[in-house]
Amino acid sequence: MKAYWFEKAGEAADVLQSGEMPQAEPGPDEVTVRMICSAVNPTDVKRRETGRELGRFDRIIPNNDGSGIIEAVGVNVDPARIGGRVWIFGAQAMRPHGTAAEYCTLPARLARPLSDNQSFADGACLGVPAVTASHGIFADGPMEGKTILITGGSGRVGRYAVQMAHLAGATVIATAGTAEKVAEIKDLGADHALNYKSDNIVHAVKEVTSGKGVDRILDVAFGANIMDAPELVRDNGVIASYSSDGMPRPEIPFTALMYKNVLIRPFAIFGLQQKAQAAAFAHVEGLLNESRLRHKVGHEFAFDEMIAANEAIAKGDAGGVCLVRIADE
């Protein structure tokens, strides 16, 4: 099969290689998917640039998410799944074989049924962003009647988070960095869309919540925002965060958060217990079946443009998922 891979850490143009390699047969509890679309997201770029898993694997096919059609199944997997349309979650996390290839063999539970009302491009957008949004919002219970602050509301995770929280009956406060993006998150369902570069977020949150603060925060930049958190979150509230790239070792206003009994939940979805992952999968699929989620492809690339797709993500100018079209449907 045709595939891309890397054997050392570095920039895409320096380390990504392409060519032919053997197609893996599905083992017990696995399926082989003929790939239609592969998605490139920031987590894929970080894995390659840092080489975080090269100590375990000599060669890695990148990319966690994508979509395709199941072509073969292993022992313990219902043969009726052959021919099924699927969206893929976390194919490369802690594994050497991601979706940047004509075929991807992975655990059957990570190849999720893609409803007929969703395109393969839609399915490839889901994976890491949608599952992160779902777990970050709902890990601590229902959101109906509660208020949530979602930072980075126009990002890949943020877009899904705004929609999910709104659909769950929450009052949604979300932030973005330009007037255009603020309008976008308002359109997605944010009750209060703020520009974090020009608006006073603390003042706005206090005004919306009558000074009490929000029930939950879903944060894309924990280190940059944590010092304001005591004024943003109410007593016994929750701060869930899936990223702190700019400040990987942040200071925390411990005493102020302690006296408010605030729960801080940093999380990485790849390491969640299977029960928690399954809950997020079910939630996402329920919304898909009812056509209630909107997706955003930033750019679409041909299979031979995989390096360009990675570079678009690395530059931060993709504006959505970078979709790589591997095959026709």
C-alpha atoms as a PDB file:
ATOM      1  CA  MET A   1       0.000   0.000   0.000  1.00  0.00           C
ATOM      2  CA  LYS A   2       1.027   3.624  -0.444  1.00  0.00           C
ATOM      3  CA  ALA A   3       1.786   5.379   2.824  1.00  0.00           C
ATOM      4  CA  TYR A   4       3.603   8.231   4.526  1.00  0.00           C
ATOM      5  CA  TRP A   5       5.866   7.610   7.513  1.00  0.00           C
ATOM      6  CA  PHE A   6       8.625   9.117   9.623  1.00  0.00           C
ATOM      7  CA  GLU A   7      11.555   7.469  11.396  1.00  0.00           C
ATOM      8  CA  LYS A   8      12.928  10.516  13.214  1.00  0.00           C
ATOM      9  CA  ALA A   9      11.501  13.666  14.747  1.00  0.00           C
ATOM     10  CA  GLY A  10      11.433  16.959  12.893  1.00  0.00           C
ATOM     11  CA  GLU A  11       9.670  19.218  10.426  1.00  0.00           C
ATOM     12  CA  ALA A  12       7.372  17.563   7.905  1.00  0.00           C
ATOM     13  CA  ALA A  13       9.499  18.421   4.871  1.00  0.00           C
ATOM     14  CA  ASP A  14      12.569  16.997   6.582  1.00  0.00           C
ATOM     15  CA  VAL A  15      11.278  13.709   7.967  1.00  0.00           C
ATOM     16  CA  LEU A  16       8.069  12.628   6.210  1.00  0.00           C
ATOM     17  CA  GLN A  17       8.721   9.932   3.611  1.00  0.00           C
ATOM     18  CA  SER A  18       6.355   8.229   1.214  1.00  0.00           C
ATOM     19  CA  GLY A  19       6.345   4.983  -0.697  1.00  0.00           C
ATOM     20  CA  GLU A  20       5.104   1.412  -0.639  1.00  0.00           C
ATOM     21  CA  MET A  21       4.912  -0.675   2.518  1.00  0.00           C
ATOM     22  CA  PRO A  22       3.135  -3.903   3.521  1.00  0.00           C
ATOM     23  CA  GLN A  23      -0.536  -3.713   4.438  1.00  0.00           C
ATOM     24  CA  ALA A  24      -1.159  -5.059   7.937  1.00  0.00           C
ATOM     25  CA  GLU A  25      -3.748  -7.817   8.312  1.00  0.00           C
ATOM     26  CA  PRO A  26      -6.329  -7.332  11.083  1.00  0.00           C
ATOM     27  CA  GLY A  27      -5.578  -9.264  14.260  1.00  0.00           C
ATOM     28  CA  PRO A  28      -8.061 -10.242  16.967  1.00  0.00           C
ATOM     29  CA  ASP A  29     -10.494  -7.384  17.732  1.00  0.00           C
ATOM     30  CA  GLU A  30      -9.158  -5.339  14.800  1.00  0.00           C
ATOM     31  CA  VAL A  31     -10.434  -4.092  11.452  1.00  0.00           C
ATOM     32  CA  THR A  32      -8.730  -2.901   8.285  1.00  0.00           C
ATOM     33  CA  VAL A  33     -10.160   0.282   6.813  1.00  0.00           C
ATOM     34  CA  ARG A  34      -9.715   1.411   3.216  1.00  0.00           C
ATOM     35  CA  MET A  35      -9.039   5.074   3.785  1.00  0.00           C
ATOM     36  CA  ILE A  36     -11.011   7.753   1.987  1.00  0.00           C
ATOM     37  CA  CYS A  37      -9.884  10.787   3.992  1.00  0.00           C
ATOM     38  CA  SER A  38      -7.106  11.397   6.496  1.00  0.00           C
ATOM     39  CA  ALA A  39      -7.154  14.411   8.819  1.00  0.00           C
ATOM     40  CA  VAL A  40      -4.161  16.411  10.025  1.00  0.00           C
ATOM     41  CA  ASN A  41      -4.600  18.185  13.366  1.00  0.00           C
ATOM     42  CA  PRO A  42      -2.208  19.915  15.790  1.00  0.00           C
ATOM     43  CA  THR A  43      -1.755  16.738  17.855  1.00  0.00           C
ATOM     44  CA  ASP A  44      -0.411  14.958  14.762  1.00  0.00           C
ATOM     45  CA  VAL A  45       2.107  17.711  14.101  1.00  0.00           C
ATOM     46  CA  LYS A  46       3.255  17.693  17.741  1.00  0.00           C
ATOM     47  CA  ARG A  47       3.754  13.915  17.716  1.00  0.00           C
ATOM     48  CA  ARG A  48       5.975  14.133  14.652  1.00  0.00           C
ATOM     49  CA  GLU A  49       7.924  17.216  15.735  1.00  0.00           C
ATOM     50  CA  THR A  50       8.700  15.778  19.180  1.00  0.00           C
ATOM     51  CA  GLY A  51       8.988  12.134  18.127  1.00  0.00           C
ATOM     52  CA  ARG A  52       7.320  11.240  21.402  1.00  0.00           C
ATOM     53  CA  GLU A  53       6.630   7.634  20.358  1.00  0.00           C
ATOM     54  CA  LEU A  54       9.762   6.879  18.340  1.00  0.00           C
ATOM     55  CA  GLY A  55      11.266   5.203  21.376  1.00  0.00           C
ATOM     56  CA  ARG A  56       8.595   2.527  21.021  1.00  0.00           C
ATOM     57  CA  PHE A  57       8.376   2.275  17.233  1.00  0.00           C
ATOM     58  CA  ASP A  58      11.063   2.537  14.555  1.00  0.00           C
ATOM     59  CA  ARG A  59       8.643   3.764  11.876  1.00  0.00           C
ATOM     60  CA  ILE A  60       5.358   5.629  12.346  1.00  0.00           C
ATOM     61  CA  ILE A  61       2.549   6.267   9.874  1.00  0.00           C
ATOM     62  CA  PRO A  62       1.095   9.563  11.193  1.00  0.00           C
ATOM     63  CA  ASN A  63      -2.394  10.995  11.671  1.00  0.00           C
ATOM     64  CA  ASN A  64      -4.976   9.982  14.251  1.00  0.00           C
ATOM     65  CA  ASP A  65      -8.245  10.720  12.496  1.00  0.00           C
ATOM     66  CA  GLY A  66      -9.884   9.929   9.184  1.00  0.00           C
ATOM     67  CA  SER A  67     -12.716   8.092   7.502  1.00  0.00           C
ATOM     68  CA  GLY A  68     -13.181   5.143   5.186  1.00  0.00           C
ATOM     69  CA  ILE A  69     -14.762   1.764   4.592  1.00  0.00           C
ATOM     70  CA  ILE A  70     -14.056  -1.428   6.512  1.00  0.00           C
ATOM     71  CA  GLU A  71     -12.488  -3.967   4.165  1.00  0.00           C
ATOM     72  CA  ALA A  72     -11.538  -6.809   6.516  1.00  0.00           C
ATOM     73  CA  VAL A  73     -12.095  -7.853  10.136  1.00  0.00           C
ATOM     74  CA  GLY A  74     -10.172  -9.969  12.590  1.00  0.00           C
ATOM     75  CA  VAL A  75     -11.276 -12.627  15.026  1.00  0.00           C
ATOM     76  CA  ASN A  76     -13.990 -11.498  17.483  1.00  0.00           C
ATOM     77  CA  VAL A  77     -15.275  -8.799  15.096  1.00  0.00           C
ATOM     78  CA  ASP A  78     -18.660  -9.256  13.430  1.00  0.00           C
ATOM     79  CA  PRO A  79     -18.095  -9.912   9.697  1.00  0.00           C
ATOM     80  CA  ALA A  80     -21.208  -7.827   9.044  1.00  0.00           C
ATOM     81  CA  ARG A  81     -19.015  -4.781   9.673  1.00  0.00           C
ATOM     82  CA  ILE A  82     -17.255  -5.353   6.334  1.00  0.00           C
ATOM     83  CA  GLY A  83     -18.355  -2.632   3.922  1.00  0.00           C
ATOM     84  CA  GLY A  84     -19.382  -0.307   6.732  1.00  0.00           C
ATOM     85  CA  ARG A  85     -18.604   3.409   6.557  1.00  0.00           C
ATOM     86  CA  VAL A  86     -16.586   4.606   9.567  1.00  0.00           C
ATOM     87  CA  TRP A  87     -14.990   7.607  11.203  1.00  0.00           C
ATOM     88  CA  ILE A  88     -11.715   6.898  12.973  1.00  0.00           C
ATOM     89  CA  PHE A  89     -10.514   8.089  16.363  1.00  0.00           C
ATOM     90  CA  GLY A  90      -6.932   8.026  17.601  1.00  0.00           C
ATOM     91  CA  ALA A  91      -5.472   5.545  15.103  1.00  0.00           C
ATOM     92  CA  GLN A  92      -1.858   6.561  15.748  1.00  0.00           C
ATOM     93  CA  ALA A  93      -1.985   7.311  19.475  1.00  0.00           C
ATOM     94  CA  MET A  94       0.391   4.851  21.157  1.00  0.00           C
ATOM     95  CA  ARG A  95       0.430   2.861  17.914  1.00  0.00           C
ATOM     96  CA  PRO A  96       2.668   2.967  14.805  1.00  0.00           C
ATOM     97  CA  HIS A  97      -0.065   2.899  12.157  1.00  0.00           C
ATOM     98  CA  GLY A  98      -2.114   6.053  11.593  1.00  0.00           C
ATOM     99  CA  THR A  99      -4.417   7.097   8.776  1.00  0.00           C
ATOM    100  CA  ALA A 100      -1.844   8.583   6.352  1.00  0.00           C
ATOM    101  CA  ALA A 101      -1.990   5.508   4.145  1.00  0.00           C
ATOM    102  CA  GLU A 102      -4.275   3.723   1.729  1.00  0.00           C
ATOM    103  CA  TYR A 103      -5.245   1.280   4.492  1.00  0.00           C
ATOM    104  CA  CYS A 104      -5.336   1.509   8.276  1.00  0.00           C
ATOM    105  CA  THR A 105      -5.557  -1.492  10.604  1.00  0.00           C
ATOM    106  CA  LEU A 106      -6.635  -0.604  14.127  1.00  0.00           C
ATOM    107  CA  PRO A 107      -8.781  -1.770  17.075  1.00  0.00           C
ATOM    108  CA  ALA A 108     -12.365  -2.220  15.932  1.00  0.00           C
ATOM    109  CA  ARG A 109     -13.720  -0.019  18.725  1.00  0.00           C
ATOM    110  CA  LEU A 110     -11.825   2.978  17.280  1.00  0.00           C
ATOM    111  CA  ALA A 111     -13.473   2.619  13.860  1.00  0.00           C
ATOM    112  CA  ARG A 112     -16.864   4.160  14.582  1.00  0.00           C
ATOM    113  CA  PRO A 113     -20.000   3.811  12.425  1.00  0.00           C
ATOM    114  CA  LEU A 114     -20.498   6.830  10.175  1.00  0.00           C
ATOM    115  CA  SER A 115     -24.166   7.527   9.548  1.00  0.00           C
ATOM    116  CA  ASP A 116     -25.308   7.883   5.956  1.00  0.00           C
ATOM    117  CA  ASN A 117     -26.254  11.530   6.493  1.00  0.00           C
ATOM    118  CA  GLN A 118     -22.565  12.383   7.002  1.00  0.00           C
ATOM    119  CA  SER A 119     -19.954  12.570   4.235  1.00  0.00           C
ATOM    120  CA  PHE A 120     -16.509  11.026   4.517  1.00  0.00           C
ATOM    121  CA  ALA A 121     -15.133  14.561   4.807  1.00  0.00           C
ATOM    122  CA  ASP A 122     -17.480  15.141   7.766  1.00  0.00           C
ATOM    123  CA  GLY A 123     -16.326  11.912   9.376  1.00  0.00           C
ATOM    124  CA  ALA A 124     -12.663  12.800   9.066  1.00  0.00           C
ATOM    125  CA  CYS A 125     -13.242  16.059  10.970  1.00  0.00           C
ATOM    126  CA  LEU A 126     -14.514  14.306  14.097  1.00  0.00           C
ATOM    127  CA  GLY A 127     -12.001  12.098  15.890  1.00  0.00           C
ATOM    128  CA  VAL A 128      -9.778  13.964  18.306  1.00  0.00           C
ATOM    129  CA  PRO A 129     -11.603  17.348  18.211  1.00  0.00           C
ATOM    130  CA  ALA A 130     -15.140  16.029  18.761  1.00  0.00           C
ATOM    131  CA  VAL A 131     -14.187  13.459  21.405  1.00  0.00           C
ATOM    132  CA  THR A 132     -12.112  16.055  23.278  1.00  0.00           C
ATOM    133  CA  ALA A 133     -15.031  18.479  23.264  1.00  0.00           C
ATOM    134  CA  SER A 134     -17.505  15.874  24.467  1.00  0.00           C
ATOM    135  CA  HIS A 135     -15.385  14.595  27.342  1.00  0.00           C
ATOM    136  CA  GLY A 136     -14.262  18.053  28.404  1.00  0.00           C
ATOM    137  CA  ILE A 137     -17.810  19.308  28.681  1.00  0.00           C
ATOM    138  CA  PHE A 138     -19.659  16.301  30.084  1.00  0.00           C
ATOM    139  CA  ALA A 139     -17.127  14.365  32.195  1.00  0.00           C
ATOM    140  CA  ASP A 140     -18.586  16.012  35.301  1.00  0.00           C
ATOM    141  CA  GLY A 141     -22.253  15.601  34.526  1.00  0.00           C
ATOM    142  CA  PRO A 142     -25.073  17.133  32.461  1.00  0.00           C
ATOM    143  CA  MET A 143     -24.913  20.745  31.330  1.00  0.00           C
ATOM    144  CA  GLU A 144     -28.586  21.660  31.159  1.00  0.00           C
ATOM    145  CA  GLY A 145     -29.223  24.878  33.032  1.00  0.00           C
ATOM    146  CA  LYS A 146     -25.521  25.464  33.713  1.00  0.00           C
ATOM    147  CA  THR A 147     -23.115  28.074  32.394  1.00  0.00           C
ATOM    148  CA  ILE A 148     -19.837  27.241  30.660  1.00  0.00           C
ATOM    149  CA  LEU A 149     -16.903  29.309  29.438  1.00  0.00           C
ATOM    150  CA  ILE A 150     -15.212  27.845  26.361  1.00  0.00           C
ATOM    151  CA  THR A 151     -11.891  29.431  25.444  1.00  0.00           C
ATOM    152  CA  GLY A 152     -10.731  29.130  21.851  1.00  0.00           C
ATOM    153  CA  GLY A 153     -14.287  28.669  20.674  1.00  0.00           C
ATOM    154  CA  SER A 154     -13.377  28.926  16.984  1.00  0.00           C
ATOM    155  CA  GLY A 155     -10.741  26.167  17.138  1.00  0.00           C
ATOM    156  CA  ARG A 156     -11.227  22.559  16.131  1.00  0.00           C
ATOM    157  CA  VAL A 157     -12.240  21.464  19.632  1.00  0.00           C
ATOM    158  CA  GLY A 158     -13.918  24.759  20.476  1.00  0.00           C
ATOM    159  CA  ARG A 159     -16.315  24.687  17.523  1.00  0.00           C
ATOM    160  CA  TYR A 160     -17.663  21.297  18.550  1.00  0.00           C
ATOM    161  CA  ALA A 161     -17.705  22.307  22.214  1.00  0.00           C
ATOM    162  CA  VAL A 162     -19.816  25.409  21.561  1.00  0.00           C
ATOM    163  CA  GLN A 163     -22.319  23.366  19.581  1.00  0.00           C
ATOM    164  CA  MET A 164     -22.483  20.506  22.088  1.00  0.00           C
ATOM    165  CA  ALA A 165     -22.885  22.736  25.141  1.00  0.00           C
ATOM    166  CA  HIS A 166     -25.572  24.790  23.402  1.00  0.00           C
ATOM    167  CA  LEU A 167     -27.464  21.672  22.326  1.00  0.00           C
ATOM    168  CA  ALA A 168     -27.254  20.355  25.904  1.00  0.00           C
ATOM    169  CA  GLY A 169     -29.106  23.377  27.256  1.00  0.00           C
ATOM    170  CA  ALA A 170     -26.184  25.320  28.721  1.00  0.00           C
ATOM    171  CA  THR A 171     -25.607  29.048  28.636  1.00  0.00           C
ATOM    172  CA  VAL A 172     -22.460  29.273  26.536  1.00  0.00           C
ATOM    173  CA  ILE A 173     -19.821  31.983  26.855  1.00  0.00           C
ATOM    174  CA  ALA A 174     -17.058  31.509  24.268  1.00  0.00           C
ATOM    175  CA  THR A 175     -13.975  33.415  23.206  1.00  0.00           C
ATOM    176  CA  ALA A 176     -12.144  33.947  19.926  1.00  0.00           C
ATOM    177  CA  GLY A 177      -9.444  36.290  18.654  1.00  0.00           C
ATOM    178  CA  THR A 178     -10.977  38.167  15.700  1.00  0.00           C
ATOM    179  CA  ALA A 179     -14.289  39.805  14.895  1.00  0.00           C
ATOM    180  CA  GLU A 180     -14.880  37.231  12.165  1.00  0.00           C
ATOM    181  CA  LYS A 181     -14.302  34.322  14.539  1.00  0.00           C
ATOM    182  CA  VAL A 182     -16.461  35.922  17.218  1.00  0.00           C
ATOM    183  CA  ALA A 183     -19.307  36.080  14.694  1.00  0.00           C
ATOM    184  CA  GLU A 184     -18.651  32.463  13.784  1.00  0.00           C
ATOM    185  CA  ILE A 185     -18.953  31.143  17.339  1.00  0.00           C
ATOM    186  CA  LYS A 186     -22.077  33.229  17.848  1.00  0.00           C
ATOM    187  CA  ASP A 187     -23.552  31.499  14.798  1.00  0.00           C
ATOM    188  CA  LEU A 188     -22.591  28.093  16.243  1.00  0.00           C
ATOM    189  CA  GLY A 189     -24.666  28.713  19.355  1.00  0.00           C
ATOM    190  CA  ALA A 190     -22.657  30.812  21.804  1.00  0.00           C
ATOM    191  CA  ASP A 191     -24.999  32.974  23.862  1.00  0.00           C
ATOM    192  CA  HIS A 192     -22.147  35.385  24.574  1.00  0.00           C
ATOM    193  CA  ALA A 193     -19.266  35.545  22.068  1.00  0.00           C
ATOM    194  CA  LEU A 194     -16.240  37.547  23.241  1.00  0.00           C
ATOM    195  CA  ASN A 195     -13.007  38.752  21.672  1.00  0.00           C
ATOM    196  CA  TYR A 196     -10.273  37.836  24.145  1.00  0.00           C
ATOM    197  CA  LYS A 197      -7.953  40.437  22.604  1.00  0.00           C
ATOM    198  CA  SER A 198     -10.251  43.387  23.196  1.00  0.00           C
ATOM    199  CA  ASP A 199     -12.999  42.385  25.641  1.00  0.00           C
ATOM    200  CA  ASN A 200     -12.615  42.199  29.411  1.00  0.00           C
ATOM    201  CA  ILE A 201     -13.420  38.505  29.868  1.00  0.00           C
ATOM    202  CA  VAL A 202     -13.604  38.614  33.656  1.00  0.00           C
ATOM    203  CA  HIS A 203     -15.985  41.574  33.618  1.00  0.00           C
ATOM    204  CA  ALA A 204     -18.166  39.983  30.939  1.00  0.00           C
ATOM    205  CA  VAL A 205     -18.390  36.640  32.764  1.00  0.00           C
ATOM    206  CA  LYS A 206     -19.308  38.342  36.036  1.00  0.00           C
ATOM    207  CA  GLU A 207     -21.973  40.362  34.273  1.00  0.00           C
ATOM    208  CA  VAL A 208     -23.512  37.263  32.631  1.00  0.00           C
ATOM    209  CA  THR A 209     -23.427  35.229  35.846  1.00  0.00           C
ATOM    210  CA  SER A 210     -24.446  37.987  38.286  1.00  0.00           C
ATOM    211  CA  GLY A 211     -21.006  37.829  39.849  1.00  0.00           C
ATOM    212  CA  LYS A 212     -21.121  34.090  40.645  1.00  0.00           C
ATOM    213  CA  GLY A 213     -18.891  32.806  37.854  1.00  0.00           C
ATOM    214  CA  VAL A 214     -19.437  29.905  35.488  1.00  0.00           C
ATOM    215  CA  ASP A 215     -20.105  26.316  36.477  1.00  0.00           C
ATOM    216  CA  ARG A 216     -17.426  24.991  34.133  1.00  0.00           C
ATOM    217  CA  ILE A 217     -14.552  26.163  32.009  1.00  0.00           C
ATOM    218  CA  LEU A 218     -13.247  24.239  29.014  1.00  0.00           C
ATOM    219  CA  ASP A 219      -9.809  25.717  28.410  1.00  0.00           C
ATOM    220  CA  VAL A 220      -7.423  25.471  25.465  1.00  0.00           C
ATOM    221  CA  ALA A 221      -4.696  27.577  27.119  1.00  0.00           C
ATOM    222  CA  PHE A 222      -4.562  26.603  30.791  1.00  0.00           C
ATOM    223  CA  GLY A 223      -1.319  28.373  31.672  1.00  0.00           C
ATOM    224  CA  ALA A 224      -2.336  31.639  30.050  1.00  0.00           C
ATOM    225  CA  ASN A 225      -5.742  31.726  31.717  1.00  0.00           C
ATOM    226  CA  ILE A 226      -5.402  30.087  35.131  1.00  0.00           C
ATOM    227  CA  MET A 227      -4.562  33.271  37.063  1.00  0.00           C
ATOM    228  CA  ASP A 228      -7.977  34.705  36.148  1.00  0.00           C
ATOM    229  CA  ALA A 229      -9.783  31.459  36.946  1.00  0.00           C
ATOM    230  CA  PRO A 230     -10.702  32.283  40.580  1.00  0.00           C
ATOM    231  CA  GLU A 231     -12.743  35.228  39.290  1.00  0.00           C
ATOM    232  CA  LEU A 232     -14.262  33.241  36.426  1.00  0.00           C
ATOM    233  CA  VAL A 233     -15.424  30.017  38.069  1.00  0.00           C
ATOM    234  CA  ARG A 234     -17.984  29.697  40.836  1.00  0.00           C
ATOM    235  CA  ASP A 235     -17.692  27.734  44.081  1.00  0.00           C
ATOM    236  CA  ASN A 236     -17.441  23.976  43.439  1.00  0.00           C
ATOM    237  CA  GLY A 237     -16.954  24.612  39.737  1.00  0.00           C
ATOM    238  CA  VAL A 238     -14.780  22.696  37.284  1.00  0.00           C
ATOM    239  CA  ILE A 239     -11.870  23.716  35.062  1.00  0.00           C
ATOM    240  CA  ALA A 240     -11.207  21.129  32.369  1.00  0.00           C
ATOM    241  CA  SER A 241      -8.219  21.696  30.095  1.00  0.00           C
ATOM    242  CA  TYR A 242      -6.742  19.755  27.204  1.00  0.00           C
ATOM    243  CA  SER A 243      -3.812  22.054  26.373  1.00  0.00           C
ATOM    244  CA  SER A 244      -1.263  24.440  27.848  1.00  0.00           C
ATOM    245  CA  ASP A 245       1.243  24.660  25.020  1.00  0.00           C
ATOM    246  CA  GLY A 246       2.359  28.198  25.726  1.00  0.00           C
ATOM    247  CA  MET A 247       3.036  27.511  29.423  1.00  0.00           C
ATOM    248  CA  PRO A 248       3.617  23.801  30.066  1.00  0.00           C
ATOM    249  CA  ARG A 249       4.590  24.477  33.716  1.00  0.00           C
ATOM    250  CA  PRO A 250       2.168  27.226  34.805  1.00  0.00           C
ATOM    251  CA  GLU A 251       1.822  28.838  38.207  1.00  0.00           C
ATOM    252  CA  ILE A 252      -1.515  28.114  39.890  1.00  0.00           C
ATOM    253  CA  PRO A 253      -3.368  30.409  42.328  1.00  0.00           C
ATOM    254  CA  PHE A 254      -3.812  27.471  44.659  1.00  0.00           C
ATOM    255  CA  THR A 255      -5.273  29.149  47.726  1.00  0.00           C
ATOM    256  CA  ALA A 256      -7.980  31.030  45.837  1.00  0.00           C
ATOM    257  CA  LEU A 257      -9.018  27.887  43.963  1.00  0.00           C
ATOM    258  CA  MET A 258      -8.828  25.757  47.118  1.00  0.00           C
ATOM    259  CA  TYR A 259     -11.219  27.960  49.057  1.00  0.00           C
ATOM    260  CA  LYS A 260     -13.673  27.801  46.161  1.00  0.00           C
ATOM    261  CA  ASN A 261     -13.354  23.989  46.050  1.00  0.00           C
ATOM    262  CA  VAL A 262     -12.603  24.112  42.329  1.00  0.00           C
ATOM    263  CA  LEU A 263     -11.894  20.855  40.526  1.00  0.00           C
ATOM    264  CA  ILE A 264      -9.051  21.120  37.987  1.00  0.00           C
ATOM    265  CA  ARG A 265      -9.250  18.413  35.342  1.00  0.00           C
ATOM    266  CA  PRO A 266      -6.345  18.228  32.892  1.00  0.00           C
ATOM    267  CA  PHE A 267      -6.971  15.390  30.457  1.00  0.00           C
ATOM    268  CA  ALA A 268      -5.685  13.635  27.364  1.00  0.00           C
ATOM    269  CA  ILE A 269      -8.365  11.663  25.556  1.00  0.00           C
ATOM    270  CA  PHE A 270      -5.980   8.980  24.299  1.00  0.00           C
ATOM    271  CA  GLY A 271      -5.347   7.813  27.855  1.00  0.00           C
ATOM    272  CA  LEU A 272      -8.955   7.816  29.024  1.00  0.00           C
ATOM    273  CA  GLN A 273     -10.491   4.606  30.258  1.00  0.00           C
ATOM    274  CA  GLN A 274     -12.390   2.833  27.497  1.00  0.00           C
ATOM    275  CA  LYS A 275     -15.661   3.476  29.335  1.00  0.00           C
ATOM    276  CA  ALA A 276     -15.090   7.234  29.142  1.00  0.00           C
ATOM    277  CA  GLN A 277     -14.090   7.049  25.488  1.00  0.00           C
ATOM    278  CA  ALA A 278     -17.172   4.973  24.714  1.00  0.00           C
ATOM    279  CA  ALA A 279     -19.412   7.570  26.382  1.00  0.00           C
ATOM    280  CA  ALA A 280     -17.921  10.301  24.187  1.00  0.00           C
ATOM    281  CA  PHE A 281     -18.284   8.139  21.058  1.00  0.00           C
ATOM    282  CA  ALA A 282     -21.946   7.497  21.846  1.00  0.00           C
ATOM    283  CA  HIS A 283     -22.621  11.170  22.487  1.00  0.00           C
ATOM    284  CA  VAL A 284     -20.984  12.261  19.226  1.00  0.00           C
ATOM    285  CA  GLU A 285     -22.783   9.588  17.216  1.00  0.00           C
ATOM    286  CA  GLY A 286     -26.141  10.523  18.679  1.00  0.00           C
ATOM    287  CA  LEU A 287     -25.665  14.083  17.463  1.00  0.00           C
ATOM    288  CA  LEU A 288     -24.444  12.890  14.058  1.00  0.00           C
ATOM    289  CA  ASN A 289     -27.466  10.660  13.571  1.00  0.00           C
ATOM    290  CA  GLU A 290     -29.680  13.711  14.067  1.00  0.00           C
ATOM    291  CA  SER A 291     -27.487  15.925  11.811  1.00  0.00           C
ATOM    292  CA  ARG A 292     -26.906  18.320  14.700  1.00  0.00           C
ATOM    293  CA  LEU A 293     -23.159  18.922  14.315  1.00  0.00           C
ATOM    294  CA  ARG A 294     -21.514  21.288  11.849  1.00  0.00           C
ATOM    295  CA  HIS A 295     -17.992  20.568  10.659  1.00  0.00           C
ATOM    296  CA  LYS A 296     -15.269  22.784   9.247  1.00  0.00           C
ATOM    297  CA  VAL A 297     -12.610  21.764   6.749  1.00  0.00           C
ATOM    298  CA  GLY A 298      -9.901  24.412   6.598  1.00  0.00           C
ATOM    299  CA  HIS A 299      -8.190  23.139   3.459  1.00  0.00           C
ATOM    300  CA  GLU A 300      -8.406  19.977   1.372  1.00  0.00           C
ATOM    301  CA  PHE A 301      -5.282  18.372  -0.068  1.00  0.00           C
ATOM    302  CA  ALA A 302      -4.499  15.510  -2.433  1.00  0.00           C
ATOM    303  CA  PHE A 303      -2.692  12.434  -1.086  1.00  0.00           C
ATOM    304  CA  ASP A 304       0.601  13.581  -2.584  1.00  0.00           C
ATOM    305  CA  GLU A 305       0.238  16.896  -0.702  1.00  0.00           C
ATOM    306  CA  MET A 306       0.503  15.383   2.787  1.00  0.00           C
ATOM    307  CA  ILE A 307       3.544  17.496   3.648  1.00  0.00           C
ATOM    308  CA  ALA A 308       1.725  20.669   2.639  1.00  0.00           C
ATOM    309  CA  ALA A 309      -1.202  19.708   4.876  1.00  0.00           C
ATOM    310  CA  ASN A 310       1.160  19.282   7.829  1.00  0.00           C
ATOM    311  CA  GLU A 311       2.820  22.601   7.105  1.00  0.00           C
ATOM    312  CA  ALA A 312      -0.553  24.387   7.023  1.00  0.00           C
ATOM    313  CA  ILE A 313      -1.318  23.094  10.518  1.00  0.00           C
ATOM    314  CA  ALA A 314       2.167  23.951  11.797  1.00  0.00           C
ATOM    315  CA  LYS A 315       1.809  27.542  10.539  1.00  0.00           C
ATOM    316  CA  GLY A 316      -1.544  27.886  12.277  1.00  0.00           C
ATOM    317  CA  ASP A 317      -3.321  29.215   9.207  1.00  0.00           C
ATOM    318  CA  ALA A 318      -5.521  26.231   8.393  1.00  0.00           C
ATOM    319  CA  GLY A 319      -8.739  27.635   9.890  1.00  0.00           C
ATOM    320  CA  GLY A 320     -10.067  24.117  10.459  1.00  0.00           C
ATOM    321  CA  VAL A 321      -9.167  20.497   9.850  1.00  0.00           C
ATOM    322  CA  CYS A 322      -6.668  19.888   7.059  1.00  0.00           C
ATOM    323  CA  LEU A 323      -8.289  17.114   5.058  1.00  0.00           C
ATOM    324  CA  VAL A 324      -6.181  14.829   2.863  1.00  0.00           C
ATOM    325  CA  ARG A 325      -8.198  13.006   0.206  1.00  0.00           C
ATOM    326  CA  ILE A 326      -6.660   9.546  -0.137  1.00  0.00           C
ATOM    327  CA  ALA A 327      -9.164   7.855  -2.460  1.00  0.00           C
ATOM    328  CA  ASP A 328     -12.465   8.350  -4.194  1.00  0.00           C
ATOM    329  CA  GLU A 329     -15.500   6.954  -2.465  1.00  0.00           C
END
